[in-house]
Amino acid sequence: MSRITVTAAAREALGDDEVVFFDWHVTGLCCADAGEFSVRPLRRSRLPRRARPLGTDLVYAHPTAWVHLTDLPVMIDCRPLWRWRRFTTDLPPDAGLRCCLGRPLYGPHDGR
């Protein structure tokens, strides 16, 4: 089961009808599994039909992202940038590529 943590700042930044959505962006031409994650707020009514919950009713993911994130400990935070909300995670910047290449996201070299 997913071990997603949503900080208090991220919870406060979400609107009444909003959730955090992990999207998957394809970066490879030869296979759809090569890609990267992005995280953003999204209204529940705008969630893609195939979106899957990640442990809590506040976090959903694209099916391909869900496969990679389902057993990982991930913290979601929100840092306001002027009038914009910037949702961030503690995932490494190359998390999607690591998943595609079969390398662990968290290991002895990441200090976890």
PDB file of N, CA and C in Angstrom:
ATOM      1  N   MET A   1       0.832  -1.185   0.000  1.00  0.00           N
ATOM      2  CA  MET A   1       0.000   0.000   0.000  1.00  0.00           C
ATOM      3  C   MET A   1       0.874   1.245   0.000  1.00  0.00           C
ATOM      4  N   SER A   2       0.369   2.277  -0.543  1.00  0.00           N
ATOM      5  CA  SER A   2       1.100   3.524  -0.685  1.00  0.00           C
ATOM      6  C   SER A   2       1.354   4.185   0.661  1.00  0.00           C
ATOM      7  N   ARG A   3       2.515   4.837   0.755  1.00  0.00           N
ATOM      8  CA  ARG A   3       2.883   5.565   1.970  1.00  0.00           C
ATOM      9  C   ARG A   3       3.064   7.039   1.620  1.00  0.00           C
ATOM     10  N   ILE A   4       1.995   7.655   1.166  1.00  0.00           N
ATOM     11  CA  ILE A   4       2.015   9.053   0.761  1.00  0.00           C
ATOM     12  C   ILE A   4       1.709   9.926   1.979  1.00  0.00           C
ATOM     13  N   THR A   5       2.509  10.971   2.175  1.00  0.00           N
ATOM     14  CA  THR A   5       2.278  11.934   3.240  1.00  0.00           C
ATOM     15  C   THR A   5       2.031  13.293   2.608  1.00  0.00           C
ATOM     16  N   VAL A   6       0.943  13.923   2.995  1.00  0.00           N
ATOM     17  CA  VAL A   6       0.613  15.261   2.504  1.00  0.00           C
ATOM     18  C   VAL A   6       0.813  16.223   3.677  1.00  0.00           C
ATOM     19  N   THR A   7       1.721  17.179   3.528  1.00  0.00           N
ATOM     20  CA  THR A   7       2.012  18.111   4.616  1.00  0.00           C
ATOM     21  C   THR A   7       0.815  19.022   4.875  1.00  0.00           C
ATOM     22  N   ALA A   8       0.850  19.678   6.025  1.00  0.00           N
ATOM     23  CA  ALA A   8      -0.222  20.605   6.386  1.00  0.00           C
ATOM     24  C   ALA A   8      -0.305  21.760   5.383  1.00  0.00           C
ATOM     25  N   ALA A   9       0.849  22.242   4.923  1.00  0.00           N
ATOM     26  CA  ALA A   9       0.862  23.335   3.935  1.00  0.00           C
ATOM     27  C   ALA A   9       0.192  22.907   2.639  1.00  0.00           C
ATOM     28  N   ALA A  10       0.428  21.675   2.214  1.00  0.00           N
ATOM     29  CA  ALA A  10      -0.190  21.171   0.983  1.00  0.00           C
ATOM     30  C   ALA A  10      -1.694  20.998   1.163  1.00  0.00           C
ATOM     31  N   ARG A  11      -2.111  20.504   2.330  1.00  0.00           N
ATOM     32  CA  ARG A  11      -3.550  20.345   2.599  1.00  0.00           C
ATOM     33  C   ARG A  11      -4.255  21.699   2.581  1.00  0.00           C
ATOM     34  N   GLU A  12      -3.622  22.701   3.188  1.00  0.00           N
ATOM     35  CA  GLU A  12      -4.222  24.038   3.242  1.00  0.00           C
ATOM     36  C   GLU A  12      -4.284  24.688   1.856  1.00  0.00           C
ATOM     37  N   ALA A  13      -3.318  24.378   1.005  1.00  0.00           N
ATOM     38  CA  ALA A  13      -3.271  24.979  -0.326  1.00  0.00           C
ATOM     39  C   ALA A  13      -4.328  24.411  -1.262  1.00  0.00           C
ATOM     40  N   LEU A  14      -4.809  23.211  -0.971  1.00  0.00           N
ATOM     41  CA  LEU A  14      -5.833  22.590  -1.822  1.00  0.00           C
ATOM     42  C   LEU A  14      -7.192  23.219  -1.574  1.00  0.00           C
ATOM     43  N   GLY A  15      -7.938  23.409  -2.638  1.00  0.00           N
ATOM     44  CA  GLY A  15      -9.302  23.895  -2.517  1.00  0.00           C
ATOM     45  C   GLY A  15     -10.224  22.791  -2.018  1.00  0.00           C
ATOM     46  N   ASP A  16     -11.480  23.141  -1.769  1.00  0.00           N
ATOM     47  CA  ASP A  16     -12.449  22.176  -1.236  1.00  0.00           C
ATOM     48  C   ASP A  16     -12.645  20.981  -2.150  1.00  0.00           C
ATOM     49  N   ASP A  17     -12.634  21.209  -3.449  1.00  0.00           N
ATOM     50  CA  ASP A  17     -12.901  20.137  -4.412  1.00  0.00           C
ATOM     51  C   ASP A  17     -11.633  19.728  -5.160  1.00  0.00           C
ATOM     52  N   GLU A  18     -10.452  19.933  -4.567  1.00  0.00           N
ATOM     53  CA  GLU A  18      -9.197  19.628  -5.255  1.00  0.00           C
ATOM     54  C   GLU A  18      -8.464  18.463  -4.615  1.00  0.00           C
ATOM     55  N   VAL A  19      -7.681  17.793  -5.455  1.00  0.00           N
ATOM     56  CA  VAL A  19      -6.792  16.714  -5.025  1.00  0.00           C
ATOM     57  C   VAL A  19      -5.419  16.960  -5.645  1.00  0.00           C
ATOM     58  N   VAL A  20      -4.429  16.226  -5.175  1.00  0.00           N
ATOM     59  CA  VAL A  20      -3.099  16.258  -5.785  1.00  0.00           C
ATOM     60  C   VAL A  20      -3.041  15.135  -6.805  1.00  0.00           C
ATOM     61  N   PHE A  21      -2.568  15.446  -8.002  1.00  0.00           N
ATOM     62  CA  PHE A  21      -2.535  14.457  -9.080  1.00  0.00           C
ATOM     63  C   PHE A  21      -1.118  14.279  -9.597  1.00  0.00           C
ATOM     64  N   PHE A  22      -0.631  13.038  -9.570  1.00  0.00           N
ATOM     65  CA  PHE A  22       0.651  12.688 -10.175  1.00  0.00           C
ATOM     66  C   PHE A  22       0.391  12.346 -11.637  1.00  0.00           C
ATOM     67  N   ASP A  23       0.911  13.144 -12.521  1.00  0.00           N
ATOM     68  CA  ASP A  23       0.747  12.885 -13.947  1.00  0.00           C
ATOM     69  C   ASP A  23       1.995  12.191 -14.475  1.00  0.00           C
ATOM     70  N   TRP A  24       1.881  11.543 -15.608  1.00  0.00           N
ATOM     71  CA  TRP A  24       2.980  10.837 -16.254  1.00  0.00           C
ATOM     72  C   TRP A  24       3.185  11.449 -17.629  1.00  0.00           C
ATOM     73  N   HIS A  25       4.403  11.896 -17.907  1.00  0.00           N
ATOM     74  CA  HIS A  25       4.732  12.503 -19.190  1.00  0.00           C
ATOM     75  C   HIS A  25       5.706  11.592 -19.929  1.00  0.00           C
ATOM     76  N   VAL A  26       5.287  11.099 -21.070  1.00  0.00           N
ATOM     77  CA  VAL A  26       6.118  10.197 -21.869  1.00  0.00           C
ATOM     78  C   VAL A  26       7.303  10.968 -22.432  1.00  0.00           C
ATOM     79  N   THR A  27       8.508  10.435 -22.213  1.00  0.00           N
ATOM     80  CA  THR A  27       9.712  11.076 -22.734  1.00  0.00           C
ATOM     81  C   THR A  27      10.432  10.205 -23.746  1.00  0.00           C
ATOM     82  N   GLY A  28      10.057   8.937 -23.839  1.00  0.00           N
ATOM     83  CA  GLY A  28      10.716   8.044 -24.779  1.00  0.00           C
ATOM     84  C   GLY A  28       9.901   7.851 -26.030  1.00  0.00           C
ATOM     85  N   LEU A  29      10.570   7.686 -27.146  1.00  0.00           N
ATOM     86  CA  LEU A  29       9.872   7.463 -28.404  1.00  0.00           C
ATOM     87  C   LEU A  29       9.559   5.996 -28.645  1.00  0.00           C
ATOM     88  N   CYS A  30      10.347   5.123 -28.036  1.00  0.00           N
ATOM     89  CA  CYS A  30      10.193   3.704 -28.351  1.00  0.00           C
ATOM     90  C   CYS A  30       9.274   2.974 -27.375  1.00  0.00           C
ATOM     91  N   CYS A  31       9.072   3.521 -26.200  1.00  0.00           N
ATOM     92  CA  CYS A  31       8.199   2.802 -25.266  1.00  0.00           C
ATOM     93  C   CYS A  31       7.479   3.792 -24.373  1.00  0.00           C
ATOM     94  N   ALA A  32       6.214   3.521 -24.071  1.00  0.00           N
ATOM     95  CA  ALA A  32       5.385   4.451 -23.302  1.00  0.00           C
ATOM     96  C   ALA A  32       5.754   4.472 -21.833  1.00  0.00           C
ATOM     97  N   ASP A  33       6.574   3.534 -21.373  1.00  0.00           N
ATOM     98  CA  ASP A  33       6.942   3.480 -19.970  1.00  0.00           C
ATOM     99  C   ASP A  33       8.055   4.468 -19.644  1.00  0.00           C
ATOM    100  N   ALA A  34       8.763   4.977 -20.641  1.00  0.00           N
ATOM    101  CA  ALA A  34       9.837   5.941 -20.387  1.00  0.00           C
ATOM    102  C   ALA A  34       9.215   7.311 -20.204  1.00  0.00           C
ATOM    103  N   GLY A  35       9.337   7.847 -18.996  1.00  0.00           N
ATOM    104  CA  GLY A  35       8.711   9.134 -18.743  1.00  0.00           C
ATOM    105  C   GLY A  35       9.122   9.749 -17.431  1.00  0.00           C
ATOM    106  N   GLU A  36       8.423  10.785 -17.060  1.00  0.00           N
ATOM    107  CA  GLU A  36       8.692  11.512 -15.822  1.00  0.00           C
ATOM    108  C   GLU A  36       7.375  11.865 -15.138  1.00  0.00           C
ATOM    109  N   PHE A  37       7.471  12.115 -13.822  1.00  0.00           N
ATOM    110  CA  PHE A  37       6.320  12.499 -13.022  1.00  0.00           C
ATOM    111  C   PHE A  37       6.183  14.016 -12.975  1.00  0.00           C
ATOM    112  N   SER A  38       4.972  14.477 -12.807  1.00  0.00           N
ATOM    113  CA  SER A  38       4.729  15.852 -12.389  1.00  0.00           C
ATOM    114  C   SER A  38       3.592  15.781 -11.379  1.00  0.00           C
ATOM    115  N   VAL A  39       3.526  16.770 -10.505  1.00  0.00           N
ATOM    116  CA  VAL A  39       2.489  16.783  -9.481  1.00  0.00           C
ATOM    117  C   VAL A  39       1.808  18.145  -9.527  1.00  0.00           C
ATOM    118  N   ARG A  40       0.457  18.126  -9.470  1.00  0.00           N
ATOM    119  CA  ARG A  40      -0.289  19.377  -9.581  1.00  0.00           C
ATOM    120  C   ARG A  40      -1.653  19.220  -8.911  1.00  0.00           C
ATOM    121  N   PRO A  41      -2.247  20.342  -8.534  1.00  0.00           N
ATOM    122  CA  PRO A  41      -3.608  20.260  -7.999  1.00  0.00           C
ATOM    123  C   PRO A  41      -4.602  20.131  -9.148  1.00  0.00           C
ATOM    124  N   LEU A  42      -5.667  19.425  -8.881  1.00  0.00           N
ATOM    125  CA  LEU A  42      -6.672  19.193  -9.916  1.00  0.00           C
ATOM    126  C   LEU A  42      -8.037  19.041  -9.245  1.00  0.00           C
ATOM    127  N   ARG A  43      -9.071  19.616  -9.844  1.00  0.00           N
ATOM    128  CA  ARG A  43     -10.417  19.430  -9.306  1.00  0.00           C
ATOM    129  C   ARG A  43     -10.835  17.972  -9.490  1.00  0.00           C
ATOM    130  N   ARG A  44     -11.562  17.453  -8.515  1.00  0.00           N
ATOM    131  CA  ARG A  44     -12.022  16.055  -8.602  1.00  0.00           C
ATOM    132  C   ARG A  44     -12.826  15.825  -9.879  1.00  0.00           C
ATOM    133  N   SER A  45     -13.604  16.796 -10.278  1.00  0.00           N
ATOM    134  CA  SER A  45     -14.424  16.647 -11.481  1.00  0.00           C
ATOM    135  C   SER A  45     -13.570  16.586 -12.749  1.00  0.00           C
ATOM    136  N   ARG A  46     -12.320  17.027 -12.687  1.00  0.00           N
ATOM    137  CA  ARG A  46     -11.422  17.025 -13.846  1.00  0.00           C
ATOM    138  C   ARG A  46     -10.455  15.841 -13.854  1.00  0.00           C
ATOM    139  N   LEU A  47     -10.538  14.968 -12.845  1.00  0.00           N
ATOM    140  CA  LEU A  47      -9.653  13.805 -12.798  1.00  0.00           C
ATOM    141  C   LEU A  47      -9.889  12.916 -14.016  1.00  0.00           C
ATOM    142  N   PRO A  48      -8.813  12.423 -14.622  1.00  0.00           N
ATOM    143  CA  PRO A  48      -9.001  11.467 -15.724  1.00  0.00           C
ATOM    144  C   PRO A  48      -9.752  10.230 -15.225  1.00  0.00           C
ATOM    145  N   ARG A  49     -10.519   9.640 -16.088  1.00  0.00           N
ATOM    146  CA  ARG A  49     -11.323   8.477 -15.720  1.00  0.00           C
ATOM    147  C   ARG A  49     -10.478   7.327 -15.172  1.00  0.00           C
ATOM    148  N   ARG A  50      -9.265   7.181 -15.670  1.00  0.00           N
ATOM    149  CA  ARG A  50      -8.413   6.060 -15.250  1.00  0.00           C
ATOM    150  C   ARG A  50      -7.511   6.391 -14.059  1.00  0.00           C
ATOM    151  N   ALA A  51      -7.649   7.573 -13.465  1.00  0.00           N
ATOM    152  CA  ALA A  51      -6.824   7.955 -12.312  1.00  0.00           C
ATOM    153  C   ALA A  51      -7.076   6.995 -11.158  1.00  0.00           C
ATOM    154  N   ARG A  52      -6.005   6.649 -10.458  1.00  0.00           N
ATOM    155  CA  ARG A  52      -6.103   5.717  -9.335  1.00  0.00           C
ATOM    156  C   ARG A  52      -5.715   6.413  -8.037  1.00  0.00           C
ATOM    157  N   PRO A  53      -6.399   6.113  -6.936  1.00  0.00           N
ATOM    158  CA  PRO A  53      -6.029   6.721  -5.656  1.00  0.00           C
ATOM    159  C   PRO A  53      -4.711   6.152  -5.134  1.00  0.00           C
ATOM    160  N   LEU A  54      -3.950   6.992  -4.468  1.00  0.00           N
ATOM    161  CA  LEU A  54      -2.680   6.573  -3.863  1.00  0.00           C
ATOM    162  C   LEU A  54      -2.811   6.634  -2.345  1.00  0.00           C
ATOM    163  N   GLY A  55      -3.506   5.687  -1.774  1.00  0.00           N
ATOM    164  CA  GLY A  55      -3.579   5.559  -0.325  1.00  0.00           C
ATOM    165  C   GLY A  55      -4.553   6.486   0.371  1.00  0.00           C
ATOM    166  N   THR A  56      -4.636   7.724  -0.017  1.00  0.00           N
ATOM    167  CA  THR A  56      -5.512   8.684   0.622  1.00  0.00           C
ATOM    168  C   THR A  56      -6.467   9.261  -0.410  1.00  0.00           C
ATOM    169  N   ASP A  57      -7.557   9.836   0.049  1.00  0.00           N
ATOM    170  CA  ASP A  57      -8.523  10.403  -0.900  1.00  0.00           C
ATOM    171  C   ASP A  57      -8.074  11.761  -1.436  1.00  0.00           C
ATOM    172  N   LEU A  58      -6.895  12.232  -1.019  1.00  0.00           N
ATOM    173  CA  LEU A  58      -6.363  13.513  -1.501  1.00  0.00           C
ATOM    174  C   LEU A  58      -5.353  13.368  -2.624  1.00  0.00           C
ATOM    175  N   VAL A  59      -4.881  12.146  -2.888  1.00  0.00           N
ATOM    176  CA  VAL A  59      -3.804  11.948  -3.869  1.00  0.00           C
ATOM    177  C   VAL A  59      -4.219  10.881  -4.880  1.00  0.00           C
ATOM    178  N   TYR A  60      -4.095  11.236  -6.165  1.00  0.00           N
ATOM    179  CA  TYR A  60      -4.412  10.324  -7.258  1.00  0.00           C
ATOM    180  C   TYR A  60      -3.243  10.310  -8.237  1.00  0.00           C
ATOM    181  N   ALA A  61      -3.191   9.278  -9.078  1.00  0.00           N
ATOM    182  CA  ALA A  61      -2.084   9.164 -10.029  1.00  0.00           C
ATOM    183  C   ALA A  61      -2.562   8.579 -11.355  1.00  0.00           C
ATOM    184  N   HIS A  62      -1.871   8.973 -12.404  1.00  0.00           N
ATOM    185  CA  HIS A  62      -2.028   8.364 -13.721  1.00  0.00           C
ATOM    186  C   HIS A  62      -1.675   6.883 -13.558  1.00  0.00           C
ATOM    187  N   PRO A  63      -2.316   5.968 -14.269  1.00  0.00           N
ATOM    188  CA  PRO A  63      -2.041   4.535 -14.084  1.00  0.00           C
ATOM    189  C   PRO A  63      -0.564   4.153 -14.189  1.00  0.00           C
ATOM    190  N   THR A  64       0.176   4.745 -15.125  1.00  0.00           N
ATOM    191  CA  THR A  64       1.597   4.401 -15.251  1.00  0.00           C
ATOM    192  C   THR A  64       2.385   4.939 -14.062  1.00  0.00           C
ATOM    193  N   ALA A  65       2.071   6.136 -13.603  1.00  0.00           N
ATOM    194  CA  ALA A  65       2.743   6.690 -12.425  1.00  0.00           C
ATOM    195  C   ALA A  65       2.367   5.893 -11.184  1.00  0.00           C
ATOM    196  N   TRP A  66       1.114   5.462 -11.088  1.00  0.00           N
ATOM    197  CA  TRP A  66       0.650   4.709  -9.930  1.00  0.00           C
ATOM    198  C   TRP A  66       1.468   3.437  -9.724  1.00  0.00           C
ATOM    199  N   VAL A  67       1.770   2.750 -10.816  1.00  0.00           N
ATOM    200  CA  VAL A  67       2.542   1.507 -10.729  1.00  0.00           C
ATOM    201  C   VAL A  67       3.892   1.753 -10.052  1.00  0.00           C
ATOM    202  N   HIS A  68       4.524   2.869 -10.374  1.00  0.00           N
ATOM    203  CA  HIS A  68       5.845   3.163  -9.820  1.00  0.00           C
ATOM    204  C   HIS A  68       5.784   3.736  -8.405  1.00  0.00           C
ATOM    205  N   LEU A  69       4.685   4.363  -8.039  1.00  0.00           N
ATOM    206  CA  LEU A  69       4.594   5.063  -6.757  1.00  0.00           C
ATOM    207  C   LEU A  69       3.867   4.292  -5.667  1.00  0.00           C
ATOM    208  N   THR A  70       3.209   3.216  -6.021  1.00  0.00           N
ATOM    209  CA  THR A  70       2.304   2.556  -5.092  1.00  0.00           C
ATOM    210  C   THR A  70       2.959   2.085  -3.797  1.00  0.00           C
ATOM    211  N   ASP A  71       4.204   1.686  -3.789  1.00  0.00           N
ATOM    212  CA  ASP A  71       4.849   1.190  -2.571  1.00  0.00           C
ATOM    213  C   ASP A  71       5.918   2.129  -2.023  1.00  0.00           C
ATOM    214  N   LEU A  72       6.020   3.329  -2.560  1.00  0.00           N
ATOM    215  CA  LEU A  72       7.084   4.244  -2.150  1.00  0.00           C
ATOM    216  C   LEU A  72       6.638   5.221  -1.069  1.00  0.00           C
ATOM    217  N   PRO A  73       7.559   5.578  -0.170  1.00  0.00           N
ATOM    218  CA  PRO A  73       7.252   6.661   0.771  1.00  0.00           C
ATOM    219  C   PRO A  73       7.500   8.001   0.080  1.00  0.00           C
ATOM    220  N   VAL A  74       6.452   8.770  -0.116  1.00  0.00           N
ATOM    221  CA  VAL A  74       6.565  10.056  -0.813  1.00  0.00           C
ATOM    222  C   VAL A  74       5.912  11.138   0.037  1.00  0.00           C
ATOM    223  N   MET A  75       6.614  12.256   0.195  1.00  0.00           N
ATOM    224  CA  MET A  75       6.045  13.399   0.905  1.00  0.00           C
ATOM    225  C   MET A  75       5.705  14.486  -0.105  1.00  0.00           C
ATOM    226  N   ILE A  76       4.491  15.008  -0.005  1.00  0.00           N
ATOM    227  CA  ILE A  76       4.024  16.077  -0.892  1.00  0.00           C
ATOM    228  C   ILE A  76       3.923  17.356  -0.070  1.00  0.00           C
ATOM    229  N   ASP A  77       4.506  18.425  -0.591  1.00  0.00           N
ATOM    230  CA  ASP A  77       4.490  19.718   0.085  1.00  0.00           C
ATOM    231  C   ASP A  77       4.035  20.781  -0.915  1.00  0.00           C
ATOM    232  N   CYS A  78       3.681  21.937  -0.417  1.00  0.00           N
ATOM    233  CA  CYS A  78       3.307  23.050  -1.282  1.00  0.00           C
ATOM    234  C   CYS A  78       4.081  24.276  -0.840  1.00  0.00           C
ATOM    235  N   ARG A  79       4.722  24.894  -1.801  1.00  0.00           N
ATOM    236  CA  ARG A  79       5.462  26.124  -1.554  1.00  0.00           C
ATOM    237  C   ARG A  79       4.840  27.231  -2.388  1.00  0.00           C
ATOM    238  N   PRO A  80       4.248  28.220  -1.718  1.00  0.00           N
ATOM    239  CA  PRO A  80       3.652  29.310  -2.498  1.00  0.00           C
ATOM    240  C   PRO A  80       4.726  30.137  -3.185  1.00  0.00           C
ATOM    241  N   LEU A  81       4.470  30.498  -4.397  1.00  0.00           N
ATOM    242  CA  LEU A  81       5.376  31.324  -5.193  1.00  0.00           C
ATOM    243  C   LEU A  81       4.549  32.491  -5.700  1.00  0.00           C
ATOM    244  N   TRP A  82       4.610  33.622  -4.995  1.00  0.00           N
ATOM    245  CA  TRP A  82       3.744  34.770  -5.224  1.00  0.00           C
ATOM    246  C   TRP A  82       2.299  34.329  -5.104  1.00  0.00           C
ATOM    247  N   ARG A  83       1.527  34.387  -6.170  1.00  0.00           N
ATOM    248  CA  ARG A  83       0.123  33.980  -6.091  1.00  0.00           C
ATOM    249  C   ARG A  83      -0.108  32.552  -6.585  1.00  0.00           C
ATOM    250  N   TRP A  84       0.953  31.880  -7.008  1.00  0.00           N
ATOM    251  CA  TRP A  84       0.835  30.516  -7.508  1.00  0.00           C
ATOM    252  C   TRP A  84       1.142  29.507  -6.408  1.00  0.00           C
ATOM    253  N   ARG A  85       0.582  28.314  -6.572  1.00  0.00           N
ATOM    254  CA  ARG A  85       0.872  27.205  -5.672  1.00  0.00           C
ATOM    255  C   ARG A  85       1.809  26.251  -6.398  1.00  0.00           C
ATOM    256  N   ARG A  86       2.907  25.893  -5.766  1.00  0.00           N
ATOM    257  CA  ARG A  86       3.853  24.962  -6.374  1.00  0.00           C
ATOM    258  C   ARG A  86       3.932  23.717  -5.497  1.00  0.00           C
ATOM    259  N   PHE A  87       3.355  22.635  -5.982  1.00  0.00           N
ATOM    260  CA  PHE A  87       3.385  21.382  -5.241  1.00  0.00           C
ATOM    261  C   PHE A  87       4.676  20.642  -5.582  1.00  0.00           C
ATOM    262  N   THR A  88       5.343  20.157  -4.559  1.00  0.00           N
ATOM    263  CA  THR A  88       6.617  19.460  -4.737  1.00  0.00           C
ATOM    264  C   THR A  88       6.580  18.131  -3.989  1.00  0.00           C
ATOM    265  N   THR A  89       7.503  17.254  -4.357  1.00  0.00           N
ATOM    266  CA  THR A  89       7.658  15.975  -3.668  1.00  0.00           C
ATOM    267  C   THR A  89       9.116  15.800  -3.278  1.00  0.00           C
ATOM    268  N   ASP A  90       9.369  14.800  -2.464  1.00  0.00           N
ATOM    269  CA  ASP A  90      10.750  14.490  -2.102  1.00  0.00           C
ATOM    270  C   ASP A  90      11.347  13.421  -3.022  1.00  0.00           C
ATOM    271  N   LEU A  91      10.709  13.166  -4.157  1.00  0.00           N
ATOM    272  CA  LEU A  91      11.256  12.229  -5.137  1.00  0.00           C
ATOM    273  C   LEU A  91      12.495  12.833  -5.793  1.00  0.00           C
ATOM    274  N   PRO A  92      13.470  12.008  -6.173  1.00  0.00           N
ATOM    275  CA  PRO A  92      14.621  12.536  -6.908  1.00  0.00           C
ATOM    276  C   PRO A  92      14.173  13.148  -8.236  1.00  0.00           C
ATOM    277  N   PRO A  93      14.918  14.116  -8.761  1.00  0.00           N
ATOM    278  CA  PRO A  93      14.514  14.765 -10.016  1.00  0.00           C
ATOM    279  C   PRO A  93      14.414  13.807 -11.200  1.00  0.00           C
ATOM    280  N   ASP A  94      15.143  12.710 -11.164  1.00  0.00           N
ATOM    281  CA  ASP A  94      15.094  11.743 -12.261  1.00  0.00           C
ATOM    282  C   ASP A  94      14.301  10.489 -11.876  1.00  0.00           C
ATOM    283  N   ALA A  95      13.294  10.642 -11.023  1.00  0.00           N
ATOM    284  CA  ALA A  95      12.552   9.494 -10.494  1.00  0.00           C
ATOM    285  C   ALA A  95      11.916   8.652 -11.586  1.00  0.00           C
ATOM    286  N   GLY A  96      11.276   9.265 -12.561  1.00  0.00           N
ATOM    287  CA  GLY A  96      10.620   8.505 -13.621  1.00  0.00           C
ATOM    288  C   GLY A  96      11.602   7.705 -14.446  1.00  0.00           C
ATOM    289  N   LEU A  97      12.730   8.297 -14.763  1.00  0.00           N
ATOM    290  CA  LEU A  97      13.757   7.603 -15.526  1.00  0.00           C
ATOM    291  C   LEU A  97      14.338   6.437 -14.741  1.00  0.00           C
ATOM    292  N   ARG A  98      14.556   6.629 -13.443  1.00  0.00           N
ATOM    293  CA  ARG A  98      15.060   5.535 -12.600  1.00  0.00           C
ATOM    294  C   ARG A  98      14.092   4.362 -12.616  1.00  0.00           C
ATOM    295  N   CYS A  99      12.799   4.661 -12.484  1.00  0.00           N
ATOM    296  CA  CYS A  99      11.790   3.595 -12.495  1.00  0.00           C
ATOM    297  C   CYS A  99      11.832   2.826 -13.806  1.00  0.00           C
ATOM    298  N   CYS A 100      11.937   3.551 -14.910  1.00  0.00           N
ATOM    299  CA  CYS A 100      11.935   2.916 -16.229  1.00  0.00           C
ATOM    300  C   CYS A 100      13.149   2.020 -16.433  1.00  0.00           C
ATOM    301  N   LEU A 101      14.268   2.392 -15.834  1.00  0.00           N
ATOM    302  CA  LEU A 101      15.505   1.630 -16.006  1.00  0.00           C
ATOM    303  C   LEU A 101      15.689   0.556 -14.942  1.00  0.00           C
ATOM    304  N   GLY A 102      14.701   0.413 -14.057  1.00  0.00           N
ATOM    305  CA  GLY A 102      14.774  -0.624 -13.036  1.00  0.00           C
ATOM    306  C   GLY A 102      15.698  -0.283 -11.880  1.00  0.00           C
ATOM    307  N   ARG A 103      16.095   0.970 -11.764  1.00  0.00           N
ATOM    308  CA  ARG A 103      16.947   1.388 -10.644  1.00  0.00           C
ATOM    309  C   ARG A 103      16.052   1.833  -9.491  1.00  0.00           C
ATOM    310  N   PRO A 104      16.413   1.521  -8.258  1.00  0.00           N
ATOM    311  CA  PRO A 104      15.561   1.920  -7.132  1.00  0.00           C
ATOM    312  C   PRO A 104      15.559   3.432  -6.929  1.00  0.00           C
ATOM    313  N   LEU A 105      14.413   3.954  -6.533  1.00  0.00           N
ATOM    314  CA  LEU A 105      14.322   5.384  -6.248  1.00  0.00           C
ATOM    315  C   LEU A 105      15.033   5.724  -4.958  1.00  0.00           C
ATOM    316  N   TYR A 106      14.825   4.884  -3.951  1.00  0.00           N
ATOM    317  CA  TYR A 106      15.438   5.114  -2.649  1.00  0.00           C
ATOM    318  C   TYR A 106      16.389   3.966  -2.369  1.00  0.00           C
ATOM    319  N   GLY A 107      17.587   4.291  -2.023  1.00  0.00           N
ATOM    320  CA  GLY A 107      18.580   3.268  -1.725  1.00  0.00           C
ATOM    321  C   GLY A 107      19.697   3.848  -0.877  1.00  0.00           C
ATOM    322  N   PRO A 108      20.794   3.119  -0.745  1.00  0.00           N
ATOM    323  CA  PRO A 108      21.880   3.570   0.126  1.00  0.00           C
ATOM    324  C   PRO A 108      22.534   4.870  -0.340  1.00  0.00           C
ATOM    325  N   HIS A 109      22.448   5.182  -1.609  1.00  0.00           N
ATOM    326  CA  HIS A 109      23.103   6.394  -2.125  1.00  0.00           C
ATOM    327  C   HIS A 109      22.225   7.632  -1.944  1.00  0.00           C
ATOM    328  N   ASP A 110      20.953   7.447  -1.602  1.00  0.00           N
ATOM    329  CA  ASP A 110      20.054   8.572  -1.443  1.00  0.00           C
ATOM    330  C   ASP A 110      19.904   9.001   0.006  1.00  0.00           C
ATOM    331  N   GLY A 111      20.590   8.329   0.924  1.00  0.00           N
ATOM    332  CA  GLY A 111      20.531   8.672   2.321  1.00  0.00           C
ATOM    333  C   GLY A 111      19.238   8.282   3.007  1.00  0.00           C
ATOM    334  N   ARG A 112      18.546   7.320   2.463  1.00  0.00           N
ATOM    335  CA  ARG A 112      17.286   6.860   3.093  1.00  0.00           C
ATOM    336  C   ARG A 112      17.448   5.477   3.630  1.00  0.00           C
TER     337      ARG A 112
END
